Amino acid sequence: MPEPLTLNKLFSLLQARFEEGFLTLNDLPKPHTFKDMEKATKRIVEAIRNKEKITIIGDYDVDGVTSTTLMRLFFEEIDYPVTWIIPNRFTDGYGLSANIIPRIEGTDLAITVDNGISAVYAAKLCKEKGIDLIITDHHLLPPELPEAYAIIDQKQPECTFPYDEVCGAQIAWYLIASLKNALDVPIDMKFYMELAAIAIIADMMPLKHINRTMVIAGLQRLSKSQRPAIRAYREHAQKEALNAEDIGFFLGPLLNSAGRMEDASYAVEFLTASNVYDARVRLQRLIDFNEARKETESEITKAALLAADKDASVIVVAGEAWHEGVVGIVAARVARALKKPCIVLNKSEEGVLKGSGRSFGSCDLFALVDKTRPLLSKFGGHAAAVGLSLEEENLQSFIDALQEHYSKADEQSVEDPDIVGILHFKDITFNLTALLKKFEPYGQGNPTPKFLTRNVQILQANKMGKEGNHLRFLFEQDGITHQGVQFKTEAVYEPGMRTDIVYTVSENHFRGNTTLQLMVEEIREV
């Protein structure tokens, strides 16, 4: 249960998240600490000198898109032509697979970014066709590794790189740094760090150790960047400076929407746009994809909530013709709404169920679903999110097994782990927000602190927004009042109601004035 907070106690809680303290760019490990980095670098340098054909193979999420963009920009900067491919989610499937081998025939050297560590069969096909393969990935190792010329993945036991949780774009950034040194070319690595920062945030890497350092440096660059895509985005968002929330909640989903709805190559073309006019046109396409994604996601979320067994410990819903690109987001929405882990599956024409799951509270969803692996055709992920597929005939057995394993697991907490304590309204001051700013940026591994205040009276609750689906509050506790906002809610609150509220605290800057504002997450009637 949350305990009462003081500013000193909050400082200690936040400081404890950073065992190493706050690192600087000087603390970044050297490229050679990655296993096979030097071997991969020598092979790429050799390919450049011998004018061999090089193909980059990416992935369709933000990390894969930015990793592909980084490699493409680097080779453009050194004026060496390469081919790049991002597999299509709907026609090719994930990463380096047998489906794309016909498209890379004639390649001398293939380099994967943000994928490939599980591509055993595709790697075998590459070898048969005389294609040297360098795999750069950051995902968990499978029982059998692909046979490749070099594998750069920090999760290999022989790898001496000291940080386990880094994303694909960071490894691409390190490969570029290694190539810069080997080729002795004068390129600015901070130019590439701004894209790596986007991936770190969007791929939900913990914002600690070097991840925090690279994100802070990247955000500083993004806020001043003359890259046409970033200029077009800042103009669209009407932002002079970008922060982690801008990336996580706005730019990241825009980049993701291309791969979710059609093809991720549109996102790469946006990021590599050569002028701001071109970037604006490409950005509008991403905005259109994202609007379509939101509409599709909303429809499926409503259907999933209607179909859900509210009494189940783990929610599993399956539907036909549900868009595969949004089922993961739908699972997250349903999990939050019902406060339970959720798996959302789409039934294909072949009768295969394929989808994604999101955890809730303290549940390790990966460990839970892993116990049902014999029933699954494919499975992967981590504690908070999983992807899986299974035959329709196994669905009921899968649901039953999940409920049984959940009931046997250690007691699961459904209290939001991001609530750091109970706060009294008298302690919501600019001293509090000054303290919170010291530990920015917030995100995965360093979540924005949420607070619980008990026995609050609602003085006002007024609708706002074009569709009237947001609320503006005036709250009171012991004679102290604070403004609050809650987004996307259909709930109705009467003035005079007594409640407990869960919220984050932000500063609202408007017409030269700065006020404190509670961003309401949950209202609990008492």
Protein backbone atom coordinates (compact mmCIF):
# COMPACT_ATOMS: atom_id res chain seq x y z
CA MET A 1 0.00 0.00 0.00
CA PRO A 2 1.23 3.53 -0.74
CA GLU A 3 2.69 5.42 2.25
CA PRO A 4 2.63 9.15 3.07
CA LEU A 5 5.30 11.14 1.22
CA THR A 6 7.55 14.07 2.04
CA LEU A 7 9.79 15.81 -0.51
CA ASN A 8 12.87 14.28 1.13
CA LYS A 9 11.36 10.81 0.94
CA LEU A 10 10.38 11.35 -2.72
CA PHE A 11 13.93 12.50 -3.54
CA SER A 12 15.34 9.30 -1.97
CA LEU A 13 12.85 7.11 -3.86
CA LEU A 14 13.72 8.68 -7.23
CA GLN A 15 17.46 8.71 -6.57
CA ALA A 16 17.34 4.98 -5.77
CA ARG A 17 16.31 4.33 -9.39
CA PHE A 18 19.82 5.36 -10.54
CA GLU A 19 22.38 3.03 -8.97
CA GLU A 20 25.20 4.47 -11.11
CA GLY A 21 24.10 8.06 -10.68
CA PHE A 22 23.69 10.21 -13.79
CA LEU A 23 26.17 9.28 -16.54
CA THR A 24 27.59 11.57 -19.24
CA LEU A 25 28.51 10.94 -22.87
CA ASN A 26 32.09 10.36 -21.70
CA ASP A 27 30.80 7.27 -19.89
CA LEU A 28 29.57 5.57 -23.08
CA PRO A 29 31.31 2.19 -23.54
CA LYS A 30 33.54 1.77 -26.60
CA PRO A 31 32.21 -0.05 -29.70
CA HIS A 32 34.73 -2.90 -29.38
CA THR A 33 33.06 -4.05 -26.14
CA PHE A 34 30.36 -5.64 -28.31
CA LYS A 35 31.13 -9.22 -29.33
CA ASP A 36 31.83 -9.41 -33.09
CA MET A 37 31.82 -5.60 -33.54
CA GLU A 38 35.39 -5.51 -34.82
CA LYS A 39 34.81 -8.56 -37.02
CA ALA A 40 31.67 -7.00 -38.53
CA THR A 41 33.43 -3.66 -39.02
CA LYS A 42 36.33 -5.25 -40.92
CA ARG A 43 33.92 -7.15 -43.19
CA ILE A 44 31.92 -4.01 -44.02
CA VAL A 45 35.10 -1.99 -44.69
CA GLU A 46 36.26 -4.78 -47.00
CA ALA A 47 32.91 -4.74 -48.82
CA ILE A 48 33.17 -0.97 -49.32
CA ARG A 49 36.73 -1.20 -50.64
CA ASN A 50 35.82 -4.05 -53.00
CA LYS A 51 32.63 -2.29 -54.15
CA GLU A 52 30.43 -5.21 -53.07
CA LYS A 53 26.63 -5.03 -52.98
CA ILE A 54 25.38 -4.34 -49.43
CA THR A 55 21.75 -4.73 -48.33
CA ILE A 56 20.31 -3.45 -45.04
CA ILE A 57 17.33 -5.39 -43.62
CA GLY A 58 15.25 -3.59 -40.99
CA ASP A 59 11.99 -4.01 -39.11
CA TYR A 60 8.63 -2.25 -39.21
CA ASP A 61 8.48 -0.70 -35.72
CA VAL A 62 10.05 2.64 -34.68
CA ASP A 63 13.30 0.97 -33.59
CA GLY A 64 13.61 -0.89 -36.89
CA VAL A 65 12.69 2.21 -38.90
CA THR A 66 15.23 4.43 -37.14
CA SER A 67 17.93 1.72 -37.27
CA THR A 68 17.41 1.40 -41.03
CA THR A 69 17.42 5.20 -41.38
CA LEU A 70 20.69 5.48 -39.42
CA MET A 71 22.44 2.97 -41.68
CA ARG A 72 21.02 4.53 -44.83
CA LEU A 73 22.14 8.03 -43.78
CA PHE A 74 25.62 6.81 -42.86
CA PHE A 75 26.20 5.16 -46.22
CA GLU A 76 24.84 8.26 -47.98
CA GLU A 77 27.25 10.41 -45.95
CA ILE A 78 30.25 8.32 -47.06
CA ASP A 79 28.79 8.22 -50.61
CA TYR A 80 28.46 4.44 -50.86
CA PRO A 81 25.30 3.01 -52.49
CA VAL A 82 23.35 0.40 -50.49
CA THR A 83 19.97 -1.27 -50.85
CA TRP A 84 17.59 -1.29 -47.89
CA ILE A 85 14.50 -3.34 -47.17
CA ILE A 86 11.94 -3.21 -44.39
CA PRO A 87 9.76 -6.33 -44.56
CA ASN A 88 6.02 -5.69 -44.75
CA ARG A 89 4.12 -6.83 -41.64
CA PHE A 90 1.26 -8.29 -43.70
CA THR A 91 3.01 -9.88 -46.69
CA ASP A 92 6.54 -10.63 -45.48
CA GLY A 93 6.24 -11.12 -41.74
CA TYR A 94 8.90 -10.10 -39.24
CA GLY A 95 12.54 -9.33 -40.03
CA LEU A 96 14.94 -11.52 -42.00
CA SER A 97 12.80 -14.41 -43.23
CA ALA A 98 12.61 -16.85 -46.11
CA ASN A 99 9.99 -14.55 -47.66
CA ILE A 100 12.51 -11.82 -48.46
CA ILE A 101 15.46 -13.96 -49.57
CA PRO A 102 14.40 -13.75 -53.28
CA ARG A 103 14.56 -9.94 -52.97
CA ILE A 104 18.16 -9.90 -51.74
CA GLU A 105 19.65 -12.35 -54.27
CA GLY A 106 22.82 -10.90 -55.78
CA THR A 107 23.75 -9.27 -52.46
CA ASP A 108 27.31 -9.88 -51.27
CA LEU A 109 26.79 -8.67 -47.69
CA ALA A 110 23.48 -8.45 -45.82
CA ILE A 111 23.27 -6.50 -42.54
CA THR A 112 20.21 -6.82 -40.30
CA VAL A 113 19.25 -4.06 -37.88
CA ASP A 114 16.87 -4.65 -34.95
CA ASN A 115 16.18 -8.23 -36.08
CA GLY A 116 17.77 -11.48 -37.18
CA ILE A 117 18.70 -13.20 -33.92
CA SER A 118 16.00 -15.85 -34.48
CA ALA A 119 16.39 -16.13 -38.26
CA VAL A 120 17.96 -19.62 -38.31
CA TYR A 121 16.36 -20.81 -41.57
CA ALA A 122 16.78 -17.51 -43.42
CA ALA A 123 20.47 -17.40 -42.38
CA LYS A 124 20.90 -20.88 -43.83
CA LEU A 125 19.37 -19.70 -47.12
CA CYS A 126 21.75 -16.71 -47.15
CA LYS A 127 24.72 -19.06 -46.78
CA GLU A 128 23.46 -21.28 -49.59
CA LYS A 129 23.22 -18.25 -51.88
CA GLY A 130 26.70 -17.01 -51.01
CA ILE A 131 25.48 -14.00 -49.01
CA ASP A 132 27.61 -13.05 -46.02
CA LEU A 133 25.31 -12.14 -43.13
CA ILE A 134 25.95 -9.72 -40.28
CA ILE A 135 23.20 -9.73 -37.65
CA THR A 136 22.75 -6.72 -35.36
CA ASP A 137 19.93 -7.23 -32.87
CA HIS A 138 19.10 -6.60 -29.24
CA HIS A 139 16.42 -9.21 -28.54
CA LEU A 140 16.63 -12.30 -26.32
CA LEU A 141 18.63 -15.20 -27.72
CA PRO A 142 16.69 -18.22 -29.03
CA PRO A 143 17.75 -21.81 -28.15
CA GLU A 144 19.56 -22.01 -31.51
CA LEU A 145 21.50 -19.09 -32.99
CA PRO A 146 21.60 -18.46 -36.75
CA GLU A 147 24.82 -19.21 -38.59
CA ALA A 148 26.18 -15.80 -39.57
CA TYR A 149 29.50 -14.12 -40.37
CA ALA A 150 29.06 -11.96 -37.27
CA ILE A 151 26.39 -11.47 -34.61
CA ILE A 152 26.25 -8.25 -32.60
CA ASP A 153 23.72 -8.66 -29.78
CA GLN A 154 24.49 -7.50 -26.26
CA LYS A 155 22.57 -10.43 -24.77
CA GLN A 156 25.20 -12.96 -25.92
CA PRO A 157 26.99 -14.36 -22.87
CA GLU A 158 30.42 -13.67 -24.41
CA CYS A 159 29.58 -10.00 -25.02
CA THR A 160 31.42 -7.57 -22.72
CA PHE A 161 29.15 -4.58 -23.43
CA PRO A 162 28.04 -3.67 -19.89
CA TYR A 163 24.37 -2.81 -20.51
CA ASP A 164 21.75 -5.44 -21.24
CA GLU A 165 18.78 -3.22 -22.12
CA VAL A 166 19.65 -1.23 -25.23
CA CYS A 167 17.68 -1.06 -28.47
CA GLY A 168 18.46 -1.90 -32.09
CA ALA A 169 19.09 1.71 -33.08
CA GLN A 170 21.72 2.06 -30.35
CA ILE A 171 23.55 -0.95 -31.73
CA ALA A 172 23.29 0.54 -35.24
CA TRP A 173 24.69 3.79 -33.78
CA TYR A 174 27.62 1.88 -32.27
CA LEU A 175 28.26 0.08 -35.58
CA ILE A 176 28.38 3.48 -37.33
CA ALA A 177 30.80 4.75 -34.66
CA SER A 178 33.02 1.71 -35.25
CA LEU A 179 32.92 2.21 -39.03
CA LYS A 180 33.68 5.92 -38.62
CA ASN A 181 36.87 5.01 -36.75
CA ALA A 182 37.88 2.24 -39.15
CA LEU A 183 37.30 4.37 -42.25
CA ASP A 184 38.65 7.53 -40.57
CA VAL A 185 35.77 9.66 -41.86
CA PRO A 186 34.82 13.01 -40.23
CA ILE A 187 31.21 12.41 -39.30
CA ASP A 188 29.32 13.83 -36.30
CA MET A 189 28.00 10.98 -34.14
CA LYS A 190 25.65 13.36 -32.32
CA PHE A 191 23.84 13.86 -35.65
CA TYR A 192 22.93 10.15 -35.46
CA MET A 193 22.18 10.25 -31.73
CA GLU A 194 19.00 12.26 -32.24
CA LEU A 195 17.47 9.36 -34.19
CA ALA A 196 18.77 6.82 -31.66
CA ALA A 197 17.03 8.83 -28.91
CA ILE A 198 13.69 8.49 -30.72
CA ALA A 199 14.14 4.70 -30.81
CA ILE A 200 15.22 4.40 -27.16
CA ILE A 201 12.03 6.15 -26.04
CA ALA A 202 9.66 4.51 -28.54
CA ASP A 203 11.05 1.00 -27.97
CA MET A 204 10.50 1.50 -24.24
CA MET A 205 14.08 0.99 -23.13
CA PRO A 206 14.66 1.82 -19.44
CA LEU A 207 15.65 5.49 -19.20
CA LYS A 208 18.65 4.80 -16.99
CA HIS A 209 22.44 4.47 -17.42
CA ILE A 210 23.58 5.27 -21.00
CA ASN A 211 19.99 5.24 -22.30
CA ARG A 212 19.20 8.33 -20.21
CA THR A 213 22.42 9.99 -21.33
CA MET A 214 21.80 9.32 -25.04
CA VAL A 215 18.17 10.45 -24.78
CA ILE A 216 19.08 13.75 -23.09
CA ALA A 217 21.78 14.45 -25.71
CA GLY A 218 19.42 13.36 -28.51
CA LEU A 219 16.56 15.55 -27.29
CA GLN A 220 18.88 18.57 -27.12
CA ARG A 221 19.82 17.91 -30.75
CA LEU A 222 16.22 17.25 -31.83
CA SER A 223 15.13 20.59 -30.40
CA LYS A 224 17.66 22.40 -32.63
CA SER A 225 17.78 19.91 -35.50
CA GLN A 226 17.79 21.18 -39.07
CA ARG A 227 16.89 17.70 -40.35
CA PRO A 228 13.90 18.40 -42.65
CA ALA A 229 11.72 15.69 -41.05
CA ILE A 230 12.29 17.03 -37.55
CA ARG A 231 11.76 20.63 -38.64
CA ALA A 232 8.46 19.59 -40.28
CA TYR A 233 7.40 17.73 -37.13
CA ARG A 234 8.25 20.62 -34.78
CA GLU A 235 6.31 22.94 -37.09
CA HIS A 236 3.31 20.56 -37.10
CA ALA A 237 3.41 20.13 -33.30
CA GLN A 238 3.99 23.87 -32.80
CA LYS A 239 6.91 23.03 -30.53
CA GLU A 240 10.22 24.86 -30.28
CA ALA A 241 11.74 22.08 -28.17
CA LEU A 242 10.91 18.37 -28.01
CA ASN A 243 10.75 16.30 -24.83
CA ALA A 244 10.43 12.60 -24.10
CA GLU A 245 6.62 12.80 -23.95
CA ASP A 246 6.53 14.36 -27.45
CA ILE A 247 8.44 11.35 -28.77
CA GLY A 248 6.67 8.67 -26.75
CA PHE A 249 3.10 9.86 -27.26
CA PHE A 250 3.17 11.69 -30.60
CA LEU A 251 6.15 11.28 -32.95
CA GLY A 252 6.72 7.60 -32.06
CA PRO A 253 3.12 6.56 -32.83
CA LEU A 254 3.26 8.52 -36.12
CA LEU A 255 6.37 6.62 -37.21
CA ASN A 256 4.84 3.33 -36.04
CA SER A 257 1.57 3.90 -37.87
CA ALA A 258 3.09 3.37 -41.34
CA GLY A 259 4.15 -0.20 -40.53
CA ARG A 260 0.94 -0.88 -38.60
CA MET A 261 -1.40 0.26 -41.37
CA GLU A 262 0.50 -0.20 -44.63
CA ASP A 263 4.30 -0.22 -45.00
CA ALA A 264 7.09 1.09 -42.76
CA SER A 265 9.14 2.34 -45.71
CA TYR A 266 6.96 5.49 -45.67
CA ALA A 267 8.40 6.31 -42.23
CA VAL A 268 11.99 5.86 -43.47
CA GLU A 269 11.29 8.11 -46.46
CA PHE A 270 9.91 10.74 -44.07
CA LEU A 271 12.97 10.63 -41.79
CA THR A 272 15.34 10.85 -44.77
CA ALA A 273 13.41 13.59 -46.63
CA SER A 274 15.87 15.93 -48.36
CA ASN A 275 13.93 19.19 -47.84
CA VAL A 276 11.23 20.51 -45.55
CA TYR A 277 8.60 20.69 -48.31
CA ASP A 278 9.01 16.99 -49.08
CA ALA A 279 9.05 16.23 -45.34
CA ARG A 280 5.71 18.04 -44.83
CA VAL A 281 4.03 15.94 -47.53
CA ARG A 282 5.47 12.71 -46.08
CA LEU A 283 4.50 13.75 -42.55
CA GLN A 284 0.90 14.29 -43.67
CA ARG A 285 0.84 10.73 -45.00
CA LEU A 286 1.97 9.45 -41.58
CA ILE A 287 -0.69 11.60 -39.89
CA ASP A 288 -3.32 10.03 -42.16
CA PHE A 289 -2.04 6.54 -41.30
CA ASN A 290 -2.18 7.41 -37.61
CA GLU A 291 -5.74 8.75 -37.81
CA ALA A 292 -6.80 5.52 -39.55
CA ARG A 293 -4.96 3.55 -36.87
CA LYS A 294 -6.78 5.41 -34.08
CA GLU A 295 -10.18 4.80 -35.70
CA THR A 296 -9.47 1.09 -36.27
CA GLU A 297 -8.07 0.70 -32.78
CA SER A 298 -11.11 2.40 -31.22
CA GLU A 299 -13.55 0.11 -33.05
CA ILE A 300 -11.67 -3.06 -32.07
CA THR A 301 -11.24 -1.90 -28.46
CA LYS A 302 -15.02 -1.50 -28.13
CA ALA A 303 -15.58 -4.96 -29.62
CA ALA A 304 -12.90 -6.51 -27.40
CA LEU A 305 -14.37 -4.98 -24.24
CA LEU A 306 -17.82 -6.35 -25.16
CA ALA A 307 -16.38 -9.82 -25.83
CA ALA A 308 -14.20 -9.95 -22.70
CA ASP A 309 -15.03 -12.28 -19.82
CA LYS A 310 -14.83 -9.74 -16.99
CA ASP A 311 -14.57 -12.53 -14.38
CA ALA A 312 -11.44 -14.09 -15.90
CA SER A 313 -8.07 -13.47 -14.21
CA VAL A 314 -6.41 -13.06 -17.63
CA ILE A 315 -8.54 -11.56 -20.40
CA VAL A 316 -8.32 -13.37 -23.76
CA VAL A 317 -10.44 -12.13 -26.67
CA ALA A 318 -10.41 -13.25 -30.29
CA GLY A 319 -12.10 -11.74 -33.32
CA GLU A 320 -12.24 -12.09 -37.08
CA ALA A 321 -10.81 -9.47 -39.45
CA TRP A 322 -9.29 -7.52 -36.57
CA HIS A 323 -6.38 -5.47 -37.88
CA GLU A 324 -3.13 -7.21 -36.85
CA GLY A 325 -1.31 -3.89 -36.75
CA VAL A 326 -3.31 -2.60 -33.77
CA VAL A 327 -4.09 -5.66 -31.59
CA GLY A 328 -1.17 -4.87 -29.26
CA ILE A 329 -2.49 -1.36 -28.60
CA VAL A 330 -6.00 -2.76 -28.10
CA ALA A 331 -4.63 -5.26 -25.55
CA ALA A 332 -3.03 -2.37 -23.63
CA ARG A 333 -6.31 -0.39 -23.68
CA VAL A 334 -8.37 -3.37 -22.44
CA ALA A 335 -5.78 -4.23 -19.77
CA ARG A 336 -5.95 -0.68 -18.42
CA ALA A 337 -9.76 -0.57 -18.56
CA LEU A 338 -10.28 -3.92 -16.80
CA LYS A 339 -7.12 -3.80 -14.65
CA LYS A 340 -6.10 -7.28 -15.76
CA PRO A 341 -3.54 -8.76 -18.18
CA CYS A 342 -5.05 -9.02 -21.66
CA ILE A 343 -4.33 -10.94 -24.88
CA VAL A 344 -6.07 -9.91 -28.12
CA LEU A 345 -6.07 -12.35 -31.05
CA ASN A 346 -7.10 -12.05 -34.69
CA LYS A 347 -8.36 -15.08 -36.61
CA SER A 348 -6.83 -15.36 -40.08
CA GLU A 349 -8.51 -16.90 -43.11
CA GLU A 350 -6.48 -20.06 -42.46
CA GLY A 351 -7.96 -20.38 -38.97
CA VAL A 352 -4.74 -19.36 -37.18
CA LEU A 353 -5.06 -17.00 -34.23
CA LYS A 354 -2.33 -14.39 -34.06
CA GLY A 355 -2.01 -11.48 -31.68
CA SER A 356 -0.44 -9.63 -28.78
CA GLY A 357 -0.76 -9.39 -25.02
CA ARG A 358 -0.08 -6.66 -22.47
CA SER A 359 0.43 -7.12 -18.75
CA PHE A 360 -1.09 -5.22 -15.86
CA GLY A 361 0.15 -4.60 -12.32
CA SER A 362 2.90 -6.98 -11.18
CA CYS A 363 1.99 -9.87 -13.54
CA ASP A 364 4.94 -11.26 -15.57
CA LEU A 365 2.95 -12.02 -18.72
CA PHE A 366 5.89 -13.63 -20.51
CA ALA A 367 6.45 -16.14 -17.68
CA LEU A 368 2.73 -16.86 -17.52
CA VAL A 369 2.24 -17.49 -21.25
CA ASP A 370 5.54 -19.39 -21.43
CA LYS A 371 3.92 -22.13 -19.31
CA THR A 372 1.43 -22.72 -22.16
CA ARG A 373 4.12 -22.92 -24.88
CA PRO A 374 3.15 -26.47 -26.03
CA LEU A 375 -0.19 -25.04 -27.19
CA LEU A 376 1.43 -22.22 -29.20
CA SER A 377 2.80 -22.09 -32.74
CA LYS A 378 4.92 -18.96 -32.14
CA PHE A 379 5.72 -17.00 -29.00
CA GLY A 380 8.05 -14.22 -27.87
CA GLY A 381 8.22 -11.05 -25.82
CA HIS A 382 9.02 -9.88 -22.30
CA ALA A 383 7.33 -9.42 -18.91
CA ALA A 384 5.11 -6.53 -20.04
CA ALA A 385 4.26 -7.55 -23.62
CA VAL A 386 4.05 -10.74 -25.67
CA GLY A 387 3.33 -11.79 -29.24
CA LEU A 388 1.95 -15.22 -30.07
CA SER A 389 0.05 -17.41 -32.51
CA LEU A 390 -1.86 -20.66 -32.07
CA GLU A 391 -4.27 -22.95 -33.89
CA GLU A 392 -7.93 -22.18 -33.26
CA GLU A 393 -8.53 -25.68 -31.88
CA ASN A 394 -6.12 -24.89 -29.02
CA LEU A 395 -7.82 -21.65 -27.97
CA GLN A 396 -10.00 -22.94 -25.12
CA SER A 397 -7.18 -25.09 -23.74
CA PHE A 398 -4.93 -22.01 -23.86
CA ILE A 399 -7.48 -19.87 -21.99
CA ASP A 400 -8.03 -22.57 -19.34
CA ALA A 401 -4.28 -23.08 -18.87
CA LEU A 402 -3.67 -19.34 -18.44
CA GLN A 403 -6.31 -19.04 -15.71
CA GLU A 404 -4.94 -22.10 -13.91
CA HIS A 405 -1.31 -20.91 -14.01
CA TYR A 406 -2.34 -17.40 -12.93
CA SER A 407 -4.16 -18.81 -9.89
CA LYS A 408 -1.03 -20.75 -8.88
CA ALA A 409 1.35 -17.82 -9.34
CA ASP A 410 2.56 -15.70 -6.44
CA GLU A 411 0.02 -13.15 -5.31
CA GLN A 412 -0.40 -10.60 -8.08
CA SER A 413 -0.72 -6.92 -7.22
CA VAL A 414 -3.14 -4.86 -9.27
CA GLU A 415 -2.15 -1.58 -7.61
CA ASP A 416 -0.40 0.70 -10.08
CA PRO A 417 3.34 0.27 -9.34
CA ASP A 418 4.01 3.83 -10.49
CA ILE A 419 2.16 5.31 -7.48
CA VAL A 420 5.07 6.39 -5.28
CA GLY A 421 3.06 7.45 -2.25
CA ILE A 422 0.28 9.47 -0.64
CA LEU A 423 0.62 13.22 -1.13
CA HIS A 424 -1.23 15.99 0.71
CA PHE A 425 -2.36 19.01 -1.32
CA LYS A 426 -0.18 21.30 0.83
CA ASP A 427 2.91 19.55 -0.64
CA ILE A 428 1.93 20.19 -4.27
CA THR A 429 4.15 23.21 -4.89
CA PHE A 430 6.77 24.45 -7.33
CA ASN A 431 9.36 22.86 -5.01
CA LEU A 432 7.77 19.51 -5.93
CA THR A 433 7.96 20.13 -9.69
CA ALA A 434 11.54 21.44 -9.36
CA LEU A 435 12.44 18.13 -7.67
CA LEU A 436 10.65 16.09 -10.34
CA LYS A 437 12.54 17.92 -13.12
CA LYS A 438 15.89 16.74 -11.71
CA PHE A 439 15.05 13.16 -12.63
CA GLU A 440 13.75 13.78 -16.18
CA PRO A 441 13.34 12.37 -18.75
CA TYR A 442 10.69 9.97 -17.50
CA GLY A 443 9.66 6.81 -19.29
CA GLN A 444 10.24 3.08 -19.11
CA GLY A 445 12.35 2.12 -16.09
CA ASN A 446 12.00 5.67 -14.76
CA PRO A 447 8.23 6.17 -14.80
CA THR A 448 6.67 9.55 -14.11
CA PRO A 449 5.82 9.49 -10.39
CA LYS A 450 2.11 9.15 -9.69
CA PHE A 451 0.61 10.31 -6.43
CA LEU A 452 -2.46 9.31 -4.43
CA THR A 453 -4.41 11.92 -2.46
CA ARG A 454 -7.21 10.70 -0.21
CA ASN A 455 -10.49 12.37 0.73
CA VAL A 456 -10.57 15.05 -1.94
CA GLN A 457 -13.75 17.00 -2.70
CA ILE A 458 -14.69 17.75 -6.30
CA LEU A 459 -15.76 21.41 -6.46
CA GLN A 460 -16.09 21.55 -10.26
CA ALA A 461 -16.05 19.00 -13.11
CA ASN A 462 -16.58 20.64 -16.50
CA LYS A 463 -16.39 19.05 -19.95
CA MET A 464 -13.85 20.39 -22.42
CA GLY A 465 -12.47 19.55 -25.87
CA LYS A 466 -14.18 19.44 -29.27
CA GLU A 467 -16.02 16.22 -28.46
CA GLY A 468 -16.50 16.99 -24.77
CA ASN A 469 -14.63 13.82 -23.76
CA HIS A 470 -12.13 15.55 -21.45
CA LEU A 471 -12.80 16.98 -17.99
CA ARG A 472 -11.42 20.00 -16.15
CA PHE A 473 -11.63 19.81 -12.36
CA LEU A 474 -11.26 21.99 -9.33
CA PHE A 475 -10.34 19.82 -6.33
CA GLU A 476 -10.17 20.74 -2.63
CA GLN A 477 -8.51 19.12 0.37
CA ASP A 478 -8.40 20.78 3.81
CA GLY A 479 -9.08 24.20 2.31
CA ILE A 480 -6.38 23.90 -0.38
CA THR A 481 -7.51 23.82 -4.04
CA HIS A 482 -5.79 22.55 -7.22
CA GLN A 483 -6.81 22.45 -10.87
CA GLY A 484 -6.93 19.05 -12.58
CA VAL A 485 -7.48 17.59 -16.05
CA GLN A 486 -8.59 14.10 -17.09
CA PHE A 487 -8.43 13.11 -20.76
CA LYS A 488 -10.66 10.69 -22.67
CA THR A 489 -13.30 9.87 -20.12
CA GLU A 490 -17.05 9.33 -20.30
CA ALA A 491 -17.42 9.43 -16.50
CA VAL A 492 -19.73 11.95 -14.81
CA TYR A 493 -18.85 13.55 -11.46
CA GLU A 494 -21.10 15.72 -9.33
CA PRO A 495 -19.76 18.73 -7.38
CA GLY A 496 -19.48 17.84 -3.71
CA MET A 497 -18.38 14.23 -4.30
CA ARG A 498 -15.65 12.87 -2.01
CA THR A 499 -12.98 10.84 -3.81
CA ASP A 500 -9.43 9.52 -3.75
CA ILE A 501 -7.45 10.64 -6.83
CA VAL A 502 -4.39 9.24 -8.61
CA TYR A 503 -2.47 11.77 -10.70
CA THR A 504 0.82 13.18 -11.91
CA VAL A 505 1.80 16.82 -11.38
CA SER A 506 2.78 19.12 -14.23
CA GLU A 507 3.39 22.79 -14.85
CA ASN A 508 1.00 24.49 -17.23
CA HIS A 509 2.57 27.38 -19.18
CA PHE A 510 -0.01 29.72 -20.70
CA ARG A 511 0.37 33.36 -21.82
CA GLY A 512 3.43 33.91 -19.67
CA ASN A 513 1.90 32.41 -16.54
CA THR A 514 2.92 29.11 -14.97
CA THR A 515 0.45 27.17 -12.83
CA LEU A 516 0.42 23.73 -11.28
CA GLN A 517 -1.93 21.15 -12.75
CA LEU A 518 -2.92 17.63 -11.72
CA MET A 519 -3.04 15.19 -14.65
CA VAL A 520 -5.70 12.81 -13.34
CA GLU A 521 -5.23 9.09 -13.98
CA GLU A 522 -7.99 7.67 -11.78
CA ILE A 523 -10.80 8.84 -9.53
CA ARG A 524 -11.95 6.46 -6.82
CA GLU A 525 -15.22 7.20 -5.06
CA VAL A 526 -15.14 6.90 -1.26
